[in-house]
Amino acid sequence: MKRTVIFYTTIDGKYPVREFLDSLSGKVAQKLLWTLKLLEDLEFLPSIYFKKLSGTDGIWEFRVQYSSNIYRIFCFFDTRSLVILTHGFIKKTQKTPRQEIERAEKYRKDFLSRGEKI
């Protein structure tokens, strides 16, 4: 299955996930992009990299560990083959911060309310 991965764009034209990727070192960004390429190309991804967040309305997360840090990128599906990346952060605690989940849900709601398509 081939999927298309796009970056969520805020109403004022910002790309939160791009800003996150741009803030990372080259090696970390490279590993995250490699993982995203797997999402485009593979029908099933190992749960070590990709899973649905329980208790959310369709929010998924990418998890990539590099050195001692764990990097997360949230996303959602608009269709089975269209994945929208919302934003990323470096996870520093065991539990995913609620405000990060709420931010992803807000971006999802905004995207769907605008009826955006590629």
C-alpha atoms as a PDB file:
ATOM      1  CA  MET A   1       0.000   0.000   0.000  1.00  0.00           C
ATOM      2  CA  LYS A   2       1.348   3.388  -0.958  1.00  0.00           C
ATOM      3  CA  ARG A   3       0.449   6.256   1.372  1.00  0.00           C
ATOM      4  CA  THR A   4       0.895   9.974   0.944  1.00  0.00           C
ATOM      5  CA  VAL A   5       2.331  11.881   3.906  1.00  0.00           C
ATOM      6  CA  ILE A   6       1.749  15.634   4.137  1.00  0.00           C
ATOM      7  CA  PHE A   7       2.420  18.315   6.730  1.00  0.00           C
ATOM      8  CA  TYR A   8      -0.483  20.008   8.470  1.00  0.00           C
ATOM      9  CA  THR A   9      -0.566  23.754   7.734  1.00  0.00           C
ATOM     10  CA  THR A  10      -1.996  26.221  10.229  1.00  0.00           C
ATOM     11  CA  ILE A  11      -4.483  28.839   9.052  1.00  0.00           C
ATOM     12  CA  ASP A  12      -1.628  31.384   8.991  1.00  0.00           C
ATOM     13  CA  GLY A  13       0.568  29.165   6.795  1.00  0.00           C
ATOM     14  CA  LYS A  14       2.909  27.611   9.368  1.00  0.00           C
ATOM     15  CA  TYR A  15       4.046  23.980   9.332  1.00  0.00           C
ATOM     16  CA  PRO A  16       4.552  22.877  12.969  1.00  0.00           C
ATOM     17  CA  VAL A  17       6.094  19.522  12.053  1.00  0.00           C
ATOM     18  CA  ARG A  18       8.535  21.135   9.621  1.00  0.00           C
ATOM     19  CA  GLU A  19       9.599  23.585  12.324  1.00  0.00           C
ATOM     20  CA  PHE A  20      10.193  20.633  14.658  1.00  0.00           C
ATOM     21  CA  LEU A  21      12.229  18.731  12.045  1.00  0.00           C
ATOM     22  CA  ASP A  22      14.268  21.849  11.258  1.00  0.00           C
ATOM     23  CA  SER A  23      15.161  22.193  14.948  1.00  0.00           C
ATOM     24  CA  LEU A  24      16.763  18.733  15.103  1.00  0.00           C
ATOM     25  CA  SER A  25      20.309  17.646  14.335  1.00  0.00           C
ATOM     26  CA  GLY A  26      20.916  16.150  10.906  1.00  0.00           C
ATOM     27  CA  LYS A  27      21.230  12.559  12.156  1.00  0.00           C
ATOM     28  CA  VAL A  28      17.996  12.693  14.183  1.00  0.00           C
ATOM     29  CA  ALA A  29      16.039  14.318  11.346  1.00  0.00           C
ATOM     30  CA  GLN A  30      17.437  11.727   8.945  1.00  0.00           C
ATOM     31  CA  LYS A  31      16.235   8.849  11.154  1.00  0.00           C
ATOM     32  CA  LEU A  32      12.778  10.417  11.529  1.00  0.00           C
ATOM     33  CA  LEU A  33      12.490  10.916   7.771  1.00  0.00           C
ATOM     34  CA  TRP A  34      13.569   7.301   7.189  1.00  0.00           C
ATOM     35  CA  THR A  35      10.779   6.165   9.529  1.00  0.00           C
ATOM     36  CA  LEU A  36       8.253   8.352   7.716  1.00  0.00           C
ATOM     37  CA  LYS A  37       9.347   6.769   4.440  1.00  0.00           C
ATOM     38  CA  LEU A  38       8.413   3.383   5.951  1.00  0.00           C
ATOM     39  CA  LEU A  39       4.908   4.731   6.554  1.00  0.00           C
ATOM     40  CA  GLU A  40       4.646   5.676   2.900  1.00  0.00           C
ATOM     41  CA  ASP A  41       5.912   2.348   1.622  1.00  0.00           C
ATOM     42  CA  LEU A  42       4.855  -0.412   4.040  1.00  0.00           C
ATOM     43  CA  GLU A  43       1.326  -1.615   4.653  1.00  0.00           C
ATOM     44  CA  PHE A  44       2.067  -2.458   8.299  1.00  0.00           C
ATOM     45  CA  LEU A  45       4.614  -0.746  10.507  1.00  0.00           C
ATOM     46  CA  PRO A  46       6.092  -2.228  13.665  1.00  0.00           C
ATOM     47  CA  SER A  47       4.460  -0.804  16.804  1.00  0.00           C
ATOM     48  CA  ILE A  48       7.916   0.234  17.995  1.00  0.00           C
ATOM     49  CA  TYR A  49       7.652   3.045  15.418  1.00  0.00           C
ATOM     50  CA  PHE A  50       3.938   3.701  14.966  1.00  0.00           C
ATOM     51  CA  LYS A  51       0.804   3.293  17.074  1.00  0.00           C
ATOM     52  CA  LYS A  52      -2.612   4.798  17.734  1.00  0.00           C
ATOM     53  CA  LEU A  53      -2.870   6.769  20.970  1.00  0.00           C
ATOM     54  CA  SER A  54      -5.606   5.298  23.138  1.00  0.00           C
ATOM     55  CA  GLY A  55      -8.276   7.693  24.334  1.00  0.00           C
ATOM     56  CA  THR A  56      -7.852   9.998  21.342  1.00  0.00           C
ATOM     57  CA  ASP A  57      -9.985  10.750  18.328  1.00  0.00           C
ATOM     58  CA  GLY A  58      -7.817   9.196  15.625  1.00  0.00           C
ATOM     59  CA  ILE A  59      -4.407  10.488  16.708  1.00  0.00           C
ATOM     60  CA  TRP A  60      -1.380   8.315  15.933  1.00  0.00           C
ATOM     61  CA  GLU A  61       2.258   8.776  16.870  1.00  0.00           C
ATOM     62  CA  PHE A  62       5.643   8.007  15.396  1.00  0.00           C
ATOM     63  CA  ARG A  63       8.267   7.102  17.920  1.00  0.00           C
ATOM     64  CA  VAL A  64      11.939   7.227  17.125  1.00  0.00           C
ATOM     65  CA  GLN A  65      14.689   6.745  19.654  1.00  0.00           C
ATOM     66  CA  TYR A  66      18.054   8.271  18.975  1.00  0.00           C
ATOM     67  CA  SER A  67      20.757   8.222  21.591  1.00  0.00           C
ATOM     68  CA  SER A  68      18.995   8.750  24.931  1.00  0.00           C
ATOM     69  CA  ASN A  69      16.091  10.799  23.521  1.00  0.00           C
ATOM     70  CA  ILE A  70      12.706   9.701  22.224  1.00  0.00           C
ATOM     71  CA  TYR A  71      11.256  11.829  19.429  1.00  0.00           C
ATOM     72  CA  ARG A  72       7.517  11.847  18.696  1.00  0.00           C
ATOM     73  CA  ILE A  73       5.530  13.093  15.748  1.00  0.00           C
ATOM     74  CA  PHE A  74       1.743  13.086  15.912  1.00  0.00           C
ATOM     75  CA  CYS A  75      -0.441  12.462  12.887  1.00  0.00           C
ATOM     76  CA  PHE A  76      -3.899  11.385  11.734  1.00  0.00           C
ATOM     77  CA  PHE A  77      -5.416   9.787   8.660  1.00  0.00           C
ATOM     78  CA  ASP A  78      -7.741  11.718   6.363  1.00  0.00           C
ATOM     79  CA  THR A  79      -8.238   8.639   4.212  1.00  0.00           C
ATOM     80  CA  ARG A  80      -6.597   5.227   4.366  1.00  0.00           C
ATOM     81  CA  SER A  81      -3.816   6.492   2.138  1.00  0.00           C
ATOM     82  CA  LEU A  82      -3.427  10.118   3.291  1.00  0.00           C
ATOM     83  CA  VAL A  83      -1.527  10.806   6.518  1.00  0.00           C
ATOM     84  CA  ILE A  84      -1.285  14.333   7.940  1.00  0.00           C
ATOM     85  CA  LEU A  85       1.623  15.068  10.292  1.00  0.00           C
ATOM     86  CA  THR A  86       0.716  17.659  12.910  1.00  0.00           C
ATOM     87  CA  HIS A  87       3.725  18.396  15.121  1.00  0.00           C
ATOM     88  CA  GLY A  88       6.571  16.801  17.023  1.00  0.00           C
ATOM     89  CA  PHE A  89       8.306  16.982  20.357  1.00  0.00           C
ATOM     90  CA  ILE A  90      10.995  15.285  22.408  1.00  0.00           C
ATOM     91  CA  LYS A  91       9.450  13.057  25.047  1.00  0.00           C
ATOM     92  CA  LYS A  92      11.054  13.569  28.429  1.00  0.00           C
ATOM     93  CA  THR A  93       8.601  11.725  30.703  1.00  0.00           C
ATOM     94  CA  GLN A  94       7.064   8.258  30.757  1.00  0.00           C
ATOM     95  CA  LYS A  95       3.586   9.559  29.992  1.00  0.00           C
ATOM     96  CA  THR A  96       2.790  11.539  26.840  1.00  0.00           C
ATOM     97  CA  PRO A  97       1.948  15.115  27.910  1.00  0.00           C
ATOM     98  CA  ARG A  98      -1.789  15.784  27.619  1.00  0.00           C
ATOM     99  CA  GLN A  99      -1.182  19.229  26.090  1.00  0.00           C
ATOM    100  CA  GLU A 100       0.689  17.621  23.162  1.00  0.00           C
ATOM    101  CA  ILE A 101      -2.223  15.253  22.503  1.00  0.00           C
ATOM    102  CA  GLU A 102      -4.711  18.140  22.733  1.00  0.00           C
ATOM    103  CA  ARG A 103      -2.611  20.141  20.279  1.00  0.00           C
ATOM    104  CA  ALA A 104      -2.720  17.265  17.766  1.00  0.00           C
ATOM    105  CA  GLU A 105      -6.483  16.907  18.234  1.00  0.00           C
ATOM    106  CA  LYS A 106      -6.939  20.659  17.712  1.00  0.00           C
ATOM    107  CA  TYR A 107      -4.921  20.519  14.476  1.00  0.00           C
ATOM    108  CA  ARG A 108      -6.942  17.508  13.276  1.00  0.00           C
ATOM    109  CA  LYS A 109     -10.231  19.305  13.968  1.00  0.00           C
ATOM    110  CA  ASP A 110      -8.989  22.421  12.178  1.00  0.00           C
ATOM    111  CA  PHE A 111      -7.815  20.447   9.140  1.00  0.00           C
ATOM    112  CA  LEU A 112     -11.090  18.550   8.821  1.00  0.00           C
ATOM    113  CA  SER A 113     -13.221  21.674   9.375  1.00  0.00           C
ATOM    114  CA  ARG A 114     -11.452  23.432   6.511  1.00  0.00           C
ATOM    115  CA  GLY A 115     -12.135  20.440   4.241  1.00  0.00           C
ATOM    116  CA  GLU A 116      -8.579  20.523   2.959  1.00  0.00           C
ATOM    117  CA  LYS A 117      -7.463  18.067   0.322  1.00  0.00           C
ATOM    118  CA  ILE A 118      -4.246  17.729  -1.594  1.00  0.00           C
END
